[in-house]
C-alpha cells in the first residue's frame, strides 16, 4: 500500500468493477487498505463488488467489515455522505 494517502474524514472508495475473483492475497490487500484508512482517520468502502467476490467476502465475514455499495456512483451520491 505504498503511496496510498487517506486524510482524516475522507473516504477511500475501492471500485471493484473489474475484479471477478479475490483470493487470500486480495483479501489481505483490502484489509491493509482498510487499516491504513482507519489509521489516518479515514473510511473505506467497496463498490461494484462482483457476486463471486461478494460471496467470498461473506464467507470470511468481511461483508460485515466493509461498507459495500452497488456502484461508485451510488457511493459518491450526496445521500451516501452521511455514513
N, C-alpha and C. Protein backbone atom coordinates (compact mmCIF):
# COMPACT_ATOMS: atom_id res chain seq x y z
N UNK A 1 0.82 -1.18 0.00
CA UNK A 1 0.00 0.00 0.00
C UNK A 1 0.86 1.26 0.00
N UNK A 2 2.06 1.16 -0.50
CA UNK A 2 2.93 2.34 -0.59
C UNK A 2 2.30 3.37 -1.50
N UNK A 3 2.34 4.62 -1.08
CA UNK A 3 1.83 5.70 -1.89
C UNK A 3 0.36 5.98 -1.69
N UNK A 4 -0.34 5.18 -0.93
CA UNK A 4 -1.75 5.39 -0.67
C UNK A 4 -1.90 6.42 0.44
N UNK A 5 -2.67 7.47 0.17
CA UNK A 5 -2.88 8.53 1.16
C UNK A 5 -4.36 8.70 1.42
N UNK A 6 -4.72 8.70 2.68
CA UNK A 6 -6.11 8.93 3.08
C UNK A 6 -6.08 9.95 4.21
N UNK A 7 -6.73 11.06 4.01
CA UNK A 7 -6.78 12.10 5.04
C UNK A 7 -7.95 11.85 5.98
N UNK A 8 -7.84 12.37 7.18
CA UNK A 8 -8.89 12.23 8.17
C UNK A 8 -10.24 12.66 7.62
N UNK A 9 -11.24 11.83 7.84
CA UNK A 9 -12.59 12.13 7.39
C UNK A 9 -12.86 11.83 5.93
N UNK A 10 -11.84 11.45 5.17
CA UNK A 10 -12.03 11.15 3.76
C UNK A 10 -12.41 9.69 3.57
N UNK A 11 -13.04 9.42 2.43
CA UNK A 11 -13.45 8.07 2.07
C UNK A 11 -12.52 7.52 1.00
N UNK A 12 -11.96 6.35 1.27
CA UNK A 12 -11.22 5.62 0.25
C UNK A 12 -12.22 4.66 -0.37
N UNK A 13 -12.59 4.92 -1.61
CA UNK A 13 -13.55 4.09 -2.32
C UNK A 13 -12.81 3.19 -3.28
N UNK A 14 -12.96 1.90 -3.09
CA UNK A 14 -12.31 0.93 -3.97
C UNK A 14 -13.36 0.37 -4.91
N UNK A 15 -13.28 0.76 -6.18
CA UNK A 15 -14.22 0.30 -7.20
C UNK A 15 -13.70 -1.04 -7.73
N UNK A 16 -14.43 -2.09 -7.42
CA UNK A 16 -14.00 -3.44 -7.78
C UNK A 16 -14.71 -3.97 -9.02
N UNK A 17 -15.22 -3.08 -9.86
CA UNK A 17 -15.98 -3.48 -11.04
C UNK A 17 -15.22 -4.45 -11.95
N UNK A 18 -13.93 -4.30 -12.06
CA UNK A 18 -13.15 -5.17 -12.94
C UNK A 18 -12.63 -6.42 -12.27
N UNK A 19 -12.91 -6.58 -10.98
CA UNK A 19 -12.39 -7.73 -10.22
C UNK A 19 -13.43 -8.84 -10.22
N UNK A 20 -13.09 -9.98 -10.78
CA UNK A 20 -14.03 -11.10 -10.86
C UNK A 20 -13.75 -12.18 -9.81
N UNK A 21 -12.57 -12.15 -9.22
CA UNK A 21 -12.20 -13.16 -8.22
C UNK A 21 -11.22 -12.54 -7.24
N UNK A 22 -11.34 -12.91 -5.99
CA UNK A 22 -10.45 -12.38 -4.96
C UNK A 22 -9.99 -13.53 -4.07
N UNK A 23 -8.69 -13.78 -4.06
CA UNK A 23 -8.15 -14.85 -3.21
C UNK A 23 -7.60 -14.24 -1.92
N UNK A 24 -6.85 -15.02 -1.16
CA UNK A 24 -6.35 -14.56 0.13
C UNK A 24 -5.42 -13.35 0.00
N UNK A 25 -4.67 -13.26 -1.07
CA UNK A 25 -3.79 -12.10 -1.23
C UNK A 25 -4.61 -10.84 -1.51
N UNK A 26 -5.70 -10.96 -2.24
CA UNK A 26 -6.58 -9.83 -2.47
C UNK A 26 -7.27 -9.39 -1.19
N UNK A 27 -7.71 -10.36 -0.39
CA UNK A 27 -8.33 -10.05 0.89
C UNK A 27 -7.33 -9.34 1.80
N UNK A 28 -6.09 -9.80 1.79
CA UNK A 28 -5.04 -9.15 2.58
C UNK A 28 -4.83 -7.71 2.14
N UNK A 29 -4.86 -7.47 0.82
CA UNK A 29 -4.70 -6.11 0.30
C UNK A 29 -5.86 -5.22 0.73
N UNK A 30 -7.08 -5.75 0.68
CA UNK A 30 -8.24 -4.97 1.13
C UNK A 30 -8.14 -4.63 2.61
N UNK A 31 -7.72 -5.59 3.40
CA UNK A 31 -7.58 -5.34 4.85
C UNK A 31 -6.45 -4.36 5.14
N UNK A 32 -5.37 -4.43 4.37
CA UNK A 32 -4.28 -3.46 4.55
C UNK A 32 -4.75 -2.05 4.22
N UNK A 33 -5.51 -1.91 3.14
CA UNK A 33 -6.04 -0.60 2.77
C UNK A 33 -6.99 -0.09 3.85
N UNK A 34 -7.80 -0.98 4.39
CA UNK A 34 -8.73 -0.61 5.47
C UNK A 34 -7.96 -0.12 6.70
N UNK A 35 -6.94 -0.86 7.08
CA UNK A 35 -6.13 -0.49 8.24
C UNK A 35 -5.48 0.87 8.04
N UNK A 36 -4.95 1.11 6.85
CA UNK A 36 -4.32 2.38 6.54
C UNK A 36 -5.32 3.53 6.60
N UNK A 37 -6.49 3.32 6.03
CA UNK A 37 -7.53 4.36 6.06
C UNK A 37 -7.91 4.70 7.49
N UNK A 38 -8.14 3.68 8.30
CA UNK A 38 -8.53 3.90 9.69
C UNK A 38 -7.41 4.57 10.47
N UNK A 39 -6.18 4.13 10.24
CA UNK A 39 -5.01 4.70 10.92
C UNK A 39 -4.91 6.20 10.70
N UNK A 40 -5.33 6.66 9.52
CA UNK A 40 -5.24 8.08 9.18
C UNK A 40 -6.57 8.80 9.40
N UNK A 41 -7.51 8.17 10.08
CA UNK A 41 -8.78 8.82 10.39
C UNK A 41 -9.77 8.84 9.25
N UNK A 42 -9.54 8.03 8.23
CA UNK A 42 -10.44 7.97 7.09
C UNK A 42 -11.38 6.78 7.16
N UNK A 43 -12.09 6.57 6.09
CA UNK A 43 -13.03 5.47 5.98
C UNK A 43 -12.76 4.74 4.67
N UNK A 44 -13.27 3.53 4.56
CA UNK A 44 -13.11 2.77 3.32
C UNK A 44 -14.44 2.14 2.96
N UNK A 45 -14.70 2.04 1.68
CA UNK A 45 -15.89 1.37 1.18
C UNK A 45 -15.53 0.67 -0.13
N UNK A 46 -16.31 -0.33 -0.45
CA UNK A 46 -16.13 -1.06 -1.70
C UNK A 46 -17.34 -0.80 -2.59
N UNK A 47 -17.11 -0.73 -3.89
CA UNK A 47 -18.19 -0.52 -4.84
C UNK A 47 -18.10 -1.53 -5.96
N UNK A 48 -19.24 -1.87 -6.53
CA UNK A 48 -19.34 -2.75 -7.70
C UNK A 48 -18.66 -4.10 -7.45
N UNK A 49 -18.98 -4.71 -6.33
CA UNK A 49 -18.37 -5.99 -5.96
C UNK A 49 -19.10 -7.11 -6.72
N UNK A 50 -18.36 -7.84 -7.53
CA UNK A 50 -18.91 -8.96 -8.31
C UNK A 50 -19.47 -10.02 -7.37
N UNK A 51 -20.46 -10.75 -7.80
CA UNK A 51 -21.14 -11.75 -6.96
C UNK A 51 -20.19 -12.79 -6.38
N UNK A 52 -19.21 -13.22 -7.15
CA UNK A 52 -18.26 -14.23 -6.65
C UNK A 52 -17.41 -13.63 -5.53
N UNK A 53 -16.94 -12.41 -5.73
CA UNK A 53 -16.15 -11.75 -4.70
C UNK A 53 -17.01 -11.46 -3.48
N UNK A 54 -18.24 -11.04 -3.69
CA UNK A 54 -19.16 -10.79 -2.57
C UNK A 54 -19.38 -12.06 -1.76
N UNK A 55 -19.49 -13.18 -2.43
CA UNK A 55 -19.66 -14.46 -1.73
C UNK A 55 -18.45 -14.77 -0.86
N UNK A 56 -17.26 -14.57 -1.41
CA UNK A 56 -16.03 -14.82 -0.67
C UNK A 56 -15.95 -13.89 0.54
N UNK A 57 -16.26 -12.61 0.34
CA UNK A 57 -16.25 -11.66 1.45
C UNK A 57 -17.25 -12.08 2.53
N UNK A 58 -18.39 -12.59 2.11
CA UNK A 58 -19.39 -13.06 3.06
C UNK A 58 -18.94 -14.27 3.84
N UNK A 59 -18.28 -15.20 3.18
CA UNK A 59 -17.80 -16.42 3.83
C UNK A 59 -16.83 -16.09 4.95
N UNK A 60 -15.95 -15.12 4.72
CA UNK A 60 -14.95 -14.76 5.73
C UNK A 60 -15.41 -13.63 6.65
N UNK A 61 -16.65 -13.18 6.48
CA UNK A 61 -17.22 -12.18 7.37
C UNK A 61 -16.87 -10.74 7.04
N UNK A 62 -16.21 -10.51 5.93
CA UNK A 62 -15.80 -9.15 5.59
C UNK A 62 -16.94 -8.31 5.03
N UNK A 63 -18.06 -8.94 4.71
CA UNK A 63 -19.22 -8.16 4.30
C UNK A 63 -19.78 -7.37 5.48
N UNK A 64 -19.37 -7.75 6.69
CA UNK A 64 -19.76 -7.03 7.90
C UNK A 64 -18.73 -5.97 8.28
N UNK A 65 -17.56 -6.02 7.67
CA UNK A 65 -16.46 -5.10 7.98
C UNK A 65 -16.44 -3.92 7.01
N UNK A 66 -16.69 -4.20 5.74
CA UNK A 66 -16.65 -3.17 4.71
C UNK A 66 -18.05 -2.67 4.38
N UNK A 67 -18.17 -1.37 4.16
CA UNK A 67 -19.39 -0.83 3.58
C UNK A 67 -19.33 -1.14 2.09
N UNK A 68 -20.39 -1.72 1.57
CA UNK A 68 -20.40 -2.14 0.16
C UNK A 68 -21.54 -1.44 -0.56
N UNK A 69 -21.20 -0.78 -1.68
CA UNK A 69 -22.18 -0.08 -2.50
C UNK A 69 -22.35 -0.81 -3.83
N UNK A 70 -23.50 -0.64 -4.44
CA UNK A 70 -23.79 -1.28 -5.72
C UNK A 70 -22.82 -0.82 -6.81
N UNK A 71 -22.46 0.46 -6.78
CA UNK A 71 -21.53 1.01 -7.76
C UNK A 71 -20.91 2.29 -7.21
N UNK A 72 -19.92 2.81 -7.91
CA UNK A 72 -19.21 4.00 -7.44
C UNK A 72 -20.13 5.23 -7.41
N UNK A 73 -21.05 5.33 -8.36
CA UNK A 73 -21.96 6.49 -8.39
C UNK A 73 -22.83 6.52 -7.14
N UNK A 74 -23.30 5.37 -6.72
CA UNK A 74 -24.12 5.28 -5.51
C UNK A 74 -23.29 5.67 -4.30
N UNK A 75 -22.06 5.22 -4.25
CA UNK A 75 -21.18 5.50 -3.11
C UNK A 75 -20.87 6.98 -2.98
N UNK A 76 -20.79 7.68 -4.09
CA UNK A 76 -20.41 9.08 -4.07
C UNK A 76 -21.60 10.03 -4.15
N UNK A 77 -22.82 9.49 -4.18
CA UNK A 77 -24.02 10.32 -4.22
C UNK A 77 -24.12 11.11 -2.91
N UNK A 78 -24.64 12.31 -2.96
CA UNK A 78 -24.74 13.14 -1.74
C UNK A 78 -25.43 12.45 -0.57
N UNK A 79 -26.42 11.62 -0.83
CA UNK A 79 -27.12 10.94 0.27
C UNK A 79 -26.25 9.88 0.94
N UNK A 80 -25.17 9.46 0.30
CA UNK A 80 -24.25 8.47 0.88
C UNK A 80 -23.23 9.12 1.79
N UNK A 81 -23.11 10.43 1.75
CA UNK A 81 -22.08 11.12 2.51
C UNK A 81 -22.27 10.99 4.02
N UNK A 82 -23.46 10.77 4.47
CA UNK A 82 -23.72 10.67 5.91
C UNK A 82 -23.59 9.24 6.38
N UNK A 83 -22.39 8.69 6.33
CA UNK A 83 -22.15 7.31 6.74
C UNK A 83 -22.09 7.22 8.24
